[in-house]
PDB file of N, CA and C in Angstrom:
ATOM      1  N   UNK A   1     239.134 106.579  11.324  1.00  0.00           N
ATOM      2  CA  UNK A   1     240.091 105.581  10.747  1.00  0.00           C
ATOM      3  C   UNK A   1     239.095 105.504   9.141  1.00  0.00           C
ATOM      4  N   UNK A   2     239.198 105.384   7.930  1.00  0.00           N
ATOM      5  CA  UNK A   2     238.368 105.512   7.105  1.00  0.00           C
ATOM      6  C   UNK A   2     238.707 103.759   6.135  1.00  0.00           C
ATOM      7  N   UNK A   3     237.456 103.583   6.097  1.00  0.00           N
ATOM      8  CA  UNK A   3     237.470 101.794   5.454  1.00  0.00           C
ATOM      9  C   UNK A   3     238.461 102.028   3.821  1.00  0.00           C
ATOM     10  N   UNK A   4     238.870 100.600   4.004  1.00  0.00           N
ATOM     11  CA  UNK A   4     239.563 100.382   3.102  1.00  0.00           C
ATOM     12  C   UNK A   4     238.446 100.226   1.476  1.00  0.00           C
ATOM     13  N   UNK A   5     239.511 100.969   0.654  1.00  0.00           N
ATOM     14  CA  UNK A   5     239.208 101.108  -0.846  1.00  0.00           C
ATOM     15  C   UNK A   5     238.779  99.643  -1.900  1.00  0.00           C
ATOM     16  N   UNK A   6     239.849  98.701  -1.125  1.00  0.00           N
ATOM     17  CA  UNK A   6     240.040  97.332  -2.207  1.00  0.00           C
ATOM     18  C   UNK A   6     238.545  95.610  -1.191  1.00  0.00           C
ATOM     19  N   UNK A   7     238.558  96.878  -0.027  1.00  0.00           N
ATOM     20  CA  UNK A   7     237.747  95.417  -0.230  1.00  0.00           C
ATOM     21  C   UNK A   7     238.220  94.909   1.198  1.00  0.00           C
ATOM     22  N   UNK A   8     237.075  93.305   1.320  1.00  0.00           N
ATOM     23  CA  UNK A   8     238.294  92.292   2.716  1.00  0.00           C
ATOM     24  C   UNK A   8     239.265  91.669   1.717  1.00  0.00           C
ATOM     25  N   UNK A   9     239.703  91.179   2.404  1.00  0.00           N
ATOM     26  CA  UNK A   9     241.189  90.646   2.179  1.00  0.00           C
ATOM     27  C   UNK A   9     241.173  89.354   1.990  1.00  0.00           C
ATOM     28  N   UNK A  10     241.440  88.903   0.318  1.00  0.00           N
ATOM     29  CA  UNK A  10     240.815  87.834  -0.224  1.00  0.00           C
ATOM     30  C   UNK A  10     241.932  86.520   0.464  1.00  0.00           C
ATOM     31  N   UNK A  11     241.281  85.515   0.546  1.00  0.00           N
ATOM     32  CA  UNK A  11     242.149  84.389   1.153  1.00  0.00           C
ATOM     33  C   UNK A  11     243.033  83.494   0.175  1.00  0.00           C
ATOM     34  N   UNK A  12     243.784  83.515   0.960  1.00  0.00           N
ATOM     35  CA  UNK A  12     245.119  83.131  -0.185  1.00  0.00           C
ATOM     36  C   UNK A  12     245.339  81.744  -0.903  1.00  0.00           C
ATOM     37  N   UNK A  13     245.863  82.411  -2.049  1.00  0.00           N
ATOM     38  CA  UNK A  13     245.623  80.944  -3.953  1.00  0.00           C
ATOM     39  C   UNK A  13     246.369  79.874  -3.057  1.00  0.00           C
ATOM     40  N   UNK A  14     245.940  78.743  -3.503  1.00  0.00           N
ATOM     41  CA  UNK A  14     246.813  77.629  -3.660  1.00  0.00           C
ATOM     42  C   UNK A  14     248.007  77.689  -4.412  1.00  0.00           C
ATOM     43  N   UNK A  15     247.744  78.242  -5.378  1.00  0.00           N
ATOM     44  CA  UNK A  15     249.515  77.713  -6.403  1.00  0.00           C
ATOM     45  C   UNK A  15     250.801  78.637  -6.090  1.00  0.00           C
ATOM     46  N   UNK A  16     249.763  79.592  -5.362  1.00  0.00           N
ATOM     47  CA  UNK A  16     251.502  80.471  -4.921  1.00  0.00           C
ATOM     48  C   UNK A  16     252.705  79.339  -3.984  1.00  0.00           C
ATOM     49  N   UNK A  17     251.049  78.777  -2.662  1.00  0.00           N
ATOM     50  CA  UNK A  17     251.784  78.049  -1.845  1.00  0.00           C
ATOM     51  C   UNK A  17     252.456  76.875  -2.002  1.00  0.00           C
ATOM     52  N   UNK A  18     251.426  75.950  -3.142  1.00  0.00           N
ATOM     53  CA  UNK A  18     251.839  74.871  -3.921  1.00  0.00           C
ATOM     54  C   UNK A  18     253.323  74.960  -3.777  1.00  0.00           C
ATOM     55  N   UNK A  19     253.903  76.026  -4.871  1.00  0.00           N
ATOM     56  CA  UNK A  19     255.243  76.379  -5.569  1.00  0.00           C
ATOM     57  C   UNK A  19     255.845  76.283  -4.885  1.00  0.00           C
ATOM     58  N   UNK A  20     255.744  77.530  -3.159  1.00  0.00           N
ATOM     59  CA  UNK A  20     256.519  77.767  -2.876  1.00  0.00           C
ATOM     60  C   UNK A  20     257.181  76.379  -1.927  1.00  0.00           C
ATOM     61  N   UNK A  21     256.039  75.744  -1.433  1.00  0.00           N
ATOM     62  CA  UNK A  21     256.206  74.393  -0.825  1.00  0.00           C
ATOM     63  C   UNK A  21     257.081  73.734  -1.883  1.00  0.00           C
ATOM     64  N   UNK A  22     256.944  73.193  -2.929  1.00  0.00           N
ATOM     65  CA  UNK A  22     257.853  72.478  -3.191  1.00  0.00           C
ATOM     66  C   UNK A  22     259.301  73.405  -3.862  1.00  0.00           C
ATOM     67  N   UNK A  23     259.258  74.758  -3.826  1.00  0.00           N
ATOM     68  CA  UNK A  23     260.165  74.951  -3.653  1.00  0.00           C
ATOM     69  C   UNK A  23     261.476  74.348  -2.614  1.00  0.00           C
ATOM     70  N   UNK A  24     260.128  74.998  -1.205  1.00  0.00           N
ATOM     71  CA  UNK A  24     261.461  74.739   0.314  1.00  0.00           C
ATOM     72  C   UNK A  24     262.125  72.992  -0.170  1.00  0.00           C
ATOM     73  N   UNK A  25     260.731  72.426  -0.181  1.00  0.00           N
ATOM     74  CA  UNK A  25     261.068  70.682  -0.287  1.00  0.00           C
ATOM     75  C   UNK A  25     262.247  70.813  -1.480  1.00  0.00           C
ATOM     76  N   UNK A  26     262.451  71.268  -2.465  1.00  0.00           N
ATOM     77  CA  UNK A  26     263.873  71.044  -3.443  1.00  0.00           C
ATOM     78  C   UNK A  26     264.765  71.361  -2.576  1.00  0.00           C
ATOM     79  N   UNK A  27     264.833  72.621  -1.722  1.00  0.00           N
ATOM     80  CA  UNK A  27     266.053  73.296  -1.492  1.00  0.00           C
ATOM     81  C   UNK A  27     266.900  72.257  -0.435  1.00  0.00           C
ATOM     82  N   UNK A  28     265.907  71.948  -0.012  1.00  0.00           N
ATOM     83  CA  UNK A  28     266.425  71.289   1.389  1.00  0.00           C
ATOM     84  C   UNK A  28     266.649  69.803   1.165  1.00  0.00           C
ATOM     85  N   UNK A  29     266.177  69.637   0.175  1.00  0.00           N
ATOM     86  CA  UNK A  29     266.561  67.349  -0.258  1.00  0.00           C
ATOM     87  C   UNK A  29     266.970  67.612  -1.411  1.00  0.00           C
ATOM     88  N   UNK A  30     266.745  68.556  -2.425  1.00  0.00           N
ATOM     89  CA  UNK A  30     267.838  68.367  -3.337  1.00  0.00           C
ATOM     90  C   UNK A  30     268.980  68.237  -2.882  1.00  0.00           C
ATOM     91  N   UNK A  31     269.629  68.477  -2.373  1.00  0.00           N
ATOM     92  CA  UNK A  31     271.520  68.704  -2.135  1.00  0.00           C
ATOM     93  C   UNK A  31     271.713  67.363  -1.331  1.00  0.00           C
ATOM     94  N   UNK A  32     270.633  66.866  -0.110  1.00  0.00           N
ATOM     95  CA  UNK A  32     270.697  65.683   0.392  1.00  0.00           C
ATOM     96  C   UNK A  32     270.143  64.772  -0.148  1.00  0.00           C
ATOM     97  N   UNK A  33     269.719  64.868  -1.153  1.00  0.00           N
ATOM     98  CA  UNK A  33     269.648  63.800  -2.483  1.00  0.00           C
ATOM     99  C   UNK A  33     270.817  63.900  -3.467  1.00  0.00           C
ATOM    100  N   UNK A  34     271.396  64.682  -3.929  1.00  0.00           N
ATOM    101  CA  UNK A  34     272.694  64.690  -4.493  1.00  0.00           C
ATOM    102  C   UNK A  34     273.796  64.067  -3.935  1.00  0.00           C
ATOM    103  N   UNK A  35     273.993  64.777  -2.417  1.00  0.00           N
ATOM    104  CA  UNK A  35     275.106  64.036  -0.909  1.00  0.00           C
ATOM    105  C   UNK A  35     275.258  62.542  -1.537  1.00  0.00           C
ATOM    106  N   UNK A  36     273.812  62.354  -0.899  1.00  0.00           N
ATOM    107  CA  UNK A  36     273.041  60.545  -0.636  1.00  0.00           C
ATOM    108  C   UNK A  36     273.523  59.368  -1.967  1.00  0.00           C
ATOM    109  N   UNK A  37     273.204  60.407  -3.161  1.00  0.00           N
ATOM    110  CA  UNK A  37     273.563  59.231  -4.456  1.00  0.00           C
ATOM    111  C   UNK A  37     274.822  59.149  -4.155  1.00  0.00           C
ATOM    112  N   UNK A  38     275.836  60.149  -4.325  1.00  0.00           N
ATOM    113  CA  UNK A  38     276.823  60.533  -4.357  1.00  0.00           C
ATOM    114  C   UNK A  38     278.066  60.300  -3.860  1.00  0.00           C
ATOM    115  N   UNK A  39     277.211  59.430  -3.035  1.00  0.00           N
ATOM    116  CA  UNK A  39     278.378  58.853  -1.925  1.00  0.00           C
ATOM    117  C   UNK A  39     278.560  57.305  -2.639  1.00  0.00           C
ATOM    118  N   UNK A  40     278.041  56.718  -3.019  1.00  0.00           N
ATOM    119  CA  UNK A  40     278.603  55.350  -3.961  1.00  0.00           C
ATOM    120  C   UNK A  40     279.209  55.398  -4.793  1.00  0.00           C
ATOM    121  N   UNK A  41     279.606  54.421  -5.751  1.00  0.00           N
ATOM    122  CA  UNK A  41     280.182  54.208  -6.515  1.00  0.00           C
ATOM    123  C   UNK A  41     281.815  54.079  -5.754  1.00  0.00           C
ATOM    124  N   UNK A  42     282.924  53.882  -6.950  1.00  0.00           N
ATOM    125  CA  UNK A  42     284.388  53.857  -6.752  1.00  0.00           C
ATOM    126  C   UNK A  42     285.255  55.285  -5.972  1.00  0.00           C
ATOM    127  N   UNK A  43     284.225  56.346  -6.343  1.00  0.00           N
ATOM    128  CA  UNK A  43     285.050  57.236  -5.901  1.00  0.00           C
ATOM    129  C   UNK A  43     284.694  58.231  -5.526  1.00  0.00           C
ATOM    130  N   UNK A  44     283.769  58.242  -3.876  1.00  0.00           N
ATOM    131  CA  UNK A  44     282.717  59.230  -3.351  1.00  0.00           C
ATOM    132  C   UNK A  44     282.990  60.136  -3.461  1.00  0.00           C
ATOM    133  N   UNK A  45     283.691  60.950  -4.185  1.00  0.00           N
ATOM    134  CA  UNK A  45     284.734  62.383  -3.273  1.00  0.00           C
ATOM    135  C   UNK A  45     284.122  63.394  -5.156  1.00  0.00           C
ATOM    136  N   UNK A  46     284.337  64.352  -5.460  1.00  0.00           N
ATOM    137  CA  UNK A  46     283.551  65.111  -6.387  1.00  0.00           C
ATOM    138  C   UNK A  46     284.879  65.146  -7.569  1.00  0.00           C
ATOM    139  N   UNK A  47     285.161  65.077  -8.394  1.00  0.00           N
ATOM    140  CA  UNK A  47     283.310  65.223  -9.656  1.00  0.00           C
ATOM    141  C   UNK A  47     283.100  63.435  -9.113  1.00  0.00           C
ATOM    142  N   UNK A  48     281.734  63.127  -9.422  1.00  0.00           N
ATOM    143  CA  UNK A  48     280.559  61.675  -9.435  1.00  0.00           C
ATOM    144  C   UNK A  48     281.633  61.400 -10.644  1.00  0.00           C
ATOM    145  N   UNK A  49     281.526  60.276 -10.708  1.00  0.00           N
ATOM    146  CA  UNK A  49     282.168  59.056 -11.321  1.00  0.00           C
ATOM    147  C   UNK A  49     281.277  58.225 -12.111  1.00  0.00           C
ATOM    148  N   UNK A  50     279.562  58.731 -11.673  1.00  0.00           N
ATOM    149  CA  UNK A  50     279.071  57.147 -12.126  1.00  0.00           C
ATOM    150  C   UNK A  50     277.551  58.346 -12.961  1.00  0.00           C
ATOM    151  N   UNK A  51     277.378  57.693 -13.995  1.00  0.00           N
ATOM    152  CA  UNK A  51     275.592  58.620 -14.824  1.00  0.00           C
ATOM    153  C   UNK A  51     274.854  59.376 -14.015  1.00  0.00           C
ATOM    154  N   UNK A  52     274.507  57.943 -13.062  1.00  0.00           N
ATOM    155  CA  UNK A  52     273.294  58.374 -12.204  1.00  0.00           C
ATOM    156  C   UNK A  52     273.621  59.493 -11.314  1.00  0.00           C
ATOM    157  N   UNK A  53     274.760  59.709 -11.076  1.00  0.00           N
ATOM    158  CA  UNK A  53     275.152  60.927 -10.106  1.00  0.00           C
ATOM    159  C   UNK A  53     275.117  62.408 -10.461  1.00  0.00           C
ATOM    160  N   UNK A  54     275.891  62.180 -12.568  1.00  0.00           N
ATOM    161  CA  UNK A  54     275.484  63.202 -13.163  1.00  0.00           C
ATOM    162  C   UNK A  54     273.704  63.553 -13.280  1.00  0.00           C
ATOM    163  N   UNK A  55     273.047  62.659 -13.274  1.00  0.00           N
ATOM    164  CA  UNK A  55     271.465  62.676 -13.764  1.00  0.00           C
ATOM    165  C   UNK A  55     270.698  63.102 -12.620  1.00  0.00           C
ATOM    166  N   UNK A  56     270.966  62.798 -11.172  1.00  0.00           N
ATOM    167  CA  UNK A  56     271.013  63.232 -10.058  1.00  0.00           C
ATOM    168  C   UNK A  56     271.056  65.071  -9.890  1.00  0.00           C
ATOM    169  N   UNK A  57     272.208  65.260 -10.071  1.00  0.00           N
ATOM    170  CA  UNK A  57     272.677  66.286  -9.731  1.00  0.00           C
ATOM    171  C   UNK A  57     272.078  67.117 -10.998  1.00  0.00           C
ATOM    172  N   UNK A  58     272.113  66.904 -12.215  1.00  0.00           N
ATOM    173  CA  UNK A  58     271.263  68.151 -12.992  1.00  0.00           C
ATOM    174  C   UNK A  58     269.614  68.379 -13.068  1.00  0.00           C
ATOM    175  N   UNK A  59     269.074  66.793 -12.681  1.00  0.00           N
ATOM    176  CA  UNK A  59     267.743  67.091 -12.418  1.00  0.00           C
ATOM    177  C   UNK A  59     267.216  68.031 -11.441  1.00  0.00           C
ATOM    178  N   UNK A  60     268.188  68.134  -9.897  1.00  0.00           N
ATOM    179  CA  UNK A  60     267.861  68.900  -8.527  1.00  0.00           C
ATOM    180  C   UNK A  60     268.072  69.799  -9.036  1.00  0.00           C
ATOM    181  N   UNK A  61     269.269  70.398 -10.171  1.00  0.00           N
ATOM    182  CA  UNK A  61     269.749  71.842 -10.215  1.00  0.00           C
ATOM    183  C   UNK A  61     268.759  72.926 -11.375  1.00  0.00           C
ATOM    184  N   UNK A  62     268.012  71.795 -12.337  1.00  0.00           N
ATOM    185  CA  UNK A  62     266.825  71.863 -12.883  1.00  0.00           C
ATOM    186  C   UNK A  62     266.056  72.160 -12.551  1.00  0.00           C
ATOM    187  N   UNK A  63     265.190  71.369 -11.990  1.00  0.00           N
ATOM    188  CA  UNK A  63     264.054  71.673 -11.015  1.00  0.00           C
ATOM    189  C   UNK A  63     263.912  72.443 -10.030  1.00  0.00           C
ATOM    190  N   UNK A  64     265.057  72.991  -8.905  1.00  0.00           N
ATOM    191  CA  UNK A  64     265.339  73.894  -8.632  1.00  0.00           C
ATOM    192  C   UNK A  64     264.855  75.467 -10.136  1.00  0.00           C
ATOM    193  N   UNK A  65     265.971  74.942 -10.256  1.00  0.00           N
ATOM    194  CA  UNK A  65     265.887  76.296 -11.589  1.00  0.00           C
ATOM    195  C   UNK A  65     264.741  77.023 -11.717  1.00  0.00           C
ATOM    196  N   UNK A  66     263.596  75.470 -12.159  1.00  0.00           N
ATOM    197  CA  UNK A  66     262.480  75.685 -13.166  1.00  0.00           C
ATOM    198  C   UNK A  66     261.470  76.226 -12.236  1.00  0.00           C
ATOM    199  N   UNK A  67     261.491  75.781 -10.491  1.00  0.00           N
ATOM    200  CA  UNK A  67     260.259  76.582  -9.806  1.00  0.00           C
ATOM    201  C   UNK A  67     260.540  77.269  -8.851  1.00  0.00           C
ATOM    202  N   UNK A  68     261.857  78.430  -8.952  1.00  0.00           N
ATOM    203  CA  UNK A  68     262.208  79.946  -8.892  1.00  0.00           C
ATOM    204  C   UNK A  68     261.781  80.620  -9.577  1.00  0.00           C
ATOM    205  N   UNK A  69     261.775  79.963 -10.732  1.00  0.00           N
ATOM    206  CA  UNK A  69     261.615  81.128 -12.355  1.00  0.00           C
ATOM    207  C   UNK A  69     259.748  80.729 -12.188  1.00  0.00           C
ATOM    208  N   UNK A  70     259.318  79.671 -11.868  1.00  0.00           N
ATOM    209  CA  UNK A  70     257.689  79.565 -11.505  1.00  0.00           C
ATOM    210  C   UNK A  70     257.682  80.765 -10.277  1.00  0.00           C
ATOM    211  N   UNK A  71     257.550  80.232  -9.575  1.00  0.00           N
ATOM    212  CA  UNK A  71     257.486  81.103  -8.237  1.00  0.00           C
ATOM    213  C   UNK A  71     258.034  83.201  -8.422  1.00  0.00           C
ATOM    214  N   UNK A  72     258.608  83.052  -9.620  1.00  0.00           N
ATOM    215  CA  UNK A  72     258.552  84.480  -9.286  1.00  0.00           C
ATOM    216  C   UNK A  72     257.789  85.355 -10.579  1.00  0.00           C
ATOM    217  N   UNK A  73     257.573  84.229 -12.140  1.00  0.00           N
ATOM    218  CA  UNK A  73     256.253  84.593 -12.995  1.00  0.00           C
ATOM    219  C   UNK A  73     254.901  84.529 -12.155  1.00  0.00           C
ATOM    220  N   UNK A  74     254.971  83.709 -11.177  1.00  0.00           N
ATOM    221  CA  UNK A  74     253.317  83.874 -10.175  1.00  0.00           C
ATOM    222  C   UNK A  74     253.399  85.101  -9.734  1.00  0.00           C
ATOM    223  N   UNK A  75     254.338  85.500  -9.331  1.00  0.00           N
ATOM    224  CA  UNK A  75     253.956  87.022  -8.548  1.00  0.00           C
ATOM    225  C   UNK A  75     254.074  87.903  -9.426  1.00  0.00           C
ATOM    226  N   UNK A  76     255.194  87.716 -10.347  1.00  0.00           N
ATOM    227  CA  UNK A  76     254.680  89.363 -11.436  1.00  0.00           C
ATOM    228  C   UNK A  76     253.751  89.329 -11.427  1.00  0.00           C
ATOM    229  N   UNK A  77     252.446  88.409 -11.456  1.00  0.00           N
ATOM    230  CA  UNK A  77     251.322  88.275 -12.241  1.00  0.00           C
ATOM    231  C   UNK A  77     250.421  88.385 -11.804  1.00  0.00           C
ATOM    232  N   UNK A  78     250.484  87.727 -10.588  1.00  0.00           N
ATOM    233  CA  UNK A  78     249.707  88.207  -9.585  1.00  0.00           C
ATOM    234  C   UNK A  78     249.712  89.824  -9.299  1.00  0.00           C
ATOM    235  N   UNK A  79     250.700  90.340  -9.538  1.00  0.00           N
ATOM    236  CA  UNK A  79     251.249  91.824  -8.918  1.00  0.00           C
ATOM    237  C   UNK A  79     250.752  92.593 -10.500  1.00  0.00           C
ATOM    238  N   UNK A  80     250.802  92.324 -11.125  1.00  0.00           N
ATOM    239  CA  UNK A  80     249.884  92.989 -12.408  1.00  0.00           C
ATOM    240  C   UNK A  80     248.632  92.536 -12.584  1.00  0.00           C
ATOM    241  N   UNK A  81     248.051  91.597 -11.950  1.00  0.00           N
ATOM    242  CA  UNK A  81     247.002  91.544 -11.622  1.00  0.00           C
ATOM    243  C   UNK A  81     246.390  92.545 -10.554  1.00  0.00           C
ATOM    244  N   UNK A  82     246.203  92.266  -9.488  1.00  0.00           N
ATOM    245  CA  UNK A  82     246.344  92.659  -8.773  1.00  0.00           C
ATOM    246  C   UNK A  82     245.905  94.804  -8.647  1.00  0.00           C
ATOM    247  N   UNK A  83     247.257  95.253  -9.961  1.00  0.00           N
ATOM    248  CA  UNK A  83     247.417  96.578 -10.104  1.00  0.00           C
ATOM    249  C   UNK A  83     246.349  96.931 -11.333  1.00  0.00           C
ATOM    250  N   UNK A  84     246.186  95.797 -11.971  1.00  0.00           N
ATOM    251  CA  UNK A  84     245.091  96.110 -13.337  1.00  0.00           C
ATOM    252  C   UNK A  84     243.970  95.784 -12.458  1.00  0.00           C
ATOM    253  N   UNK A  85     243.210  95.436 -11.512  1.00  0.00           N
ATOM    254  CA  UNK A  85     242.064  95.596 -10.488  1.00  0.00           C
ATOM    255  C   UNK A  85     241.841  96.372  -9.660  1.00  0.00           C
ATOM    256  N   UNK A  86     243.170  97.034  -9.593  1.00  0.00           N
ATOM    257  CA  UNK A  86     243.420  98.163  -8.478  1.00  0.00           C
ATOM    258  C   UNK A  86     243.018  99.786  -9.409  1.00  0.00           C
ATOM    259  N   UNK A  87     243.657  99.861 -10.910  1.00  0.00           N
ATOM    260  CA  UNK A  87     242.711 100.533 -11.716  1.00  0.00           C
ATOM    261  C   UNK A  87     241.654 100.911 -11.694  1.00  0.00           C
ATOM    262  N   UNK A  88     241.105  99.598 -12.574  1.00  0.00           N
ATOM    263  CA  UNK A  88     240.001  99.451 -13.126  1.00  0.00           C
ATOM    264  C   UNK A  88     238.666  99.509 -11.720  1.00  0.00           C
ATOM    265  N   UNK A  89     238.705  98.969 -10.265  1.00  0.00           N
ATOM    266  CA  UNK A  89     238.209  99.851  -9.868  1.00  0.00           C
ATOM    267  C   UNK A  89     237.563 100.943  -8.974  1.00  0.00           C
ATOM    268  N   UNK A  90     238.577 101.911  -9.557  1.00  0.00           N
ATOM    269  CA  UNK A  90     239.299 103.829  -9.015  1.00  0.00           C
ATOM    270  C   UNK A  90     239.120 104.023 -10.340  1.00  0.00           C
ATOM    271  N   UNK A  91     238.368 104.209 -11.074  1.00  0.00           N
ATOM    272  CA  UNK A  91     238.621 105.080 -12.357  1.00  0.00           C
ATOM    273  C   UNK A  91     238.970 106.567 -11.898  1.00  0.00           C
ATOM    274  N   UNK A  92     238.904 107.421 -11.109  1.00  0.00           N
ATOM    275  CA  UNK A  92     239.812 108.305 -10.648  1.00  0.00           C
ATOM    276  C   UNK A  92     240.340 108.577 -10.313  1.00  0.00           C
ATOM    277  N   UNK A  93     241.525 107.549  -9.783  1.00  0.00           N
ATOM    278  CA  UNK A  93     243.241 107.643  -9.340  1.00  0.00           C
ATOM    279  C   UNK A  93     243.102 108.167 -10.799  1.00  0.00           C
ATOM    280  N   UNK A  94     244.922 108.103 -10.683  1.00  0.00           N
ATOM    281  CA  UNK A  94     245.916 108.138 -11.818  1.00  0.00           C
ATOM    282  C   UNK A  94     246.794 107.403 -11.388  1.00  0.00           C
ATOM    283  N   UNK A  95     247.046 106.088 -12.431  1.00  0.00           N
ATOM    284  CA  UNK A  95     247.852 105.490 -12.345  1.00  0.00           C
ATOM    285  C   UNK A  95     249.773 105.668 -12.073  1.00  0.00           C
ATOM    286  N   UNK A  96     249.736 106.962 -12.919  1.00  0.00           N
ATOM    287  CA  UNK A  96     251.343 108.247 -12.496  1.00  0.00           C
ATOM    288  C   UNK A  96     251.496 108.638 -11.073  1.00  0.00           C
ATOM    289  N   UNK A  97     249.858 108.605 -10.773  1.00  0.00           N
ATOM    290  CA  UNK A  97     250.640 109.657  -9.652  1.00  0.00           C
ATOM    291  C   UNK A  97     250.467 108.766  -8.198  1.00  0.00           C
ATOM    292  N   UNK A  98     251.415 109.490  -7.175  1.00  0.00           N
ATOM    293  CA  UNK A  98     252.039 108.729  -6.038  1.00  0.00           C
ATOM    294  C   UNK A  98     250.657 107.969  -5.244  1.00  0.00           C
ATOM    295  N   UNK A  99     250.928 107.281  -3.957  1.00  0.00           N
ATOM    296  CA  UNK A  99     249.921 107.117  -4.047  1.00  0.00           C
ATOM    297  C   UNK A  99     249.616 108.080  -2.853  1.00  0.00           C
ATOM    298  N   UNK A 100     247.807 107.476  -2.469  1.00  0.00           N
ATOM    299  CA  UNK A 100     247.874 108.945  -0.667  1.00  0.00           C
ATOM    300  C   UNK A 100     248.050 108.521   0.674  1.00  0.00           C
ATOM    301  N   UNK A 101     248.987 109.528   0.881  1.00  0.00           N
ATOM    302  CA  UNK A 101     249.114 109.135   1.787  1.00  0.00           C
ATOM    303  C   UNK A 101     248.415 109.806   3.114  1.00  0.00           C
ATOM    304  N   UNK A 102     248.586 109.335   4.184  1.00  0.00           N
ATOM    305  CA  UNK A 102     247.429 110.244   5.225  1.00  0.00           C
ATOM    306  C   UNK A 102     248.119 111.054   5.768  1.00  0.00           C
ATOM    307  N   UNK A 103     247.153 112.128   6.567  1.00  0.00           N
ATOM    308  CA  UNK A 103     247.444 113.234   7.257  1.00  0.00           C
ATOM    309  C   UNK A 103     248.116 112.895   7.790  1.00  0.00           C
ATOM    310  N   UNK A 104     249.199 113.326   9.117  1.00  0.00           N
ATOM    311  CA  UNK A 104     250.244 113.174   9.842  1.00  0.00           C
ATOM    312  C   UNK A 104     249.164 114.745  10.800  1.00  0.00           C
ATOM    313  N   UNK A 105     248.735 114.055  12.112  1.00  0.00           N
ATOM    314  CA  UNK A 105     248.079 115.303  13.610  1.00  0.00           C
ATOM    315  C   UNK A 105     249.310 115.577  14.649  1.00  0.00           C
ATOM    316  N   UNK A 106     249.598 116.691  14.271  1.00  0.00           N
ATOM    317  CA  UNK A 106     250.579 116.583  15.638  1.00  0.00           C
ATOM    318  C   UNK A 106     249.649 117.706  16.356  1.00  0.00           C
TER     319      UNK A 106
END
């Protein structure tokens, strides 16, 4: 078995984990907040009749979209950076060539 060319594994970064935790909290807590706030007022059904219900719905929806976009942007930046670092560390490799495959022995 050959040693890895990339070196030891890097410890997980804090930003993606924090974004993922916040997105998870928004995914579960957001709908619960919308339901709990929407139960009040003169008419507890849909559509909401109070401005606070609409504000809650809007803030939860926009917050979820922003967190999802942040997770996607962070992942794409991390992937781009890791590809850039891989090409810098191995100048002999060609970025257009497919990755090396281990030989199969039968």
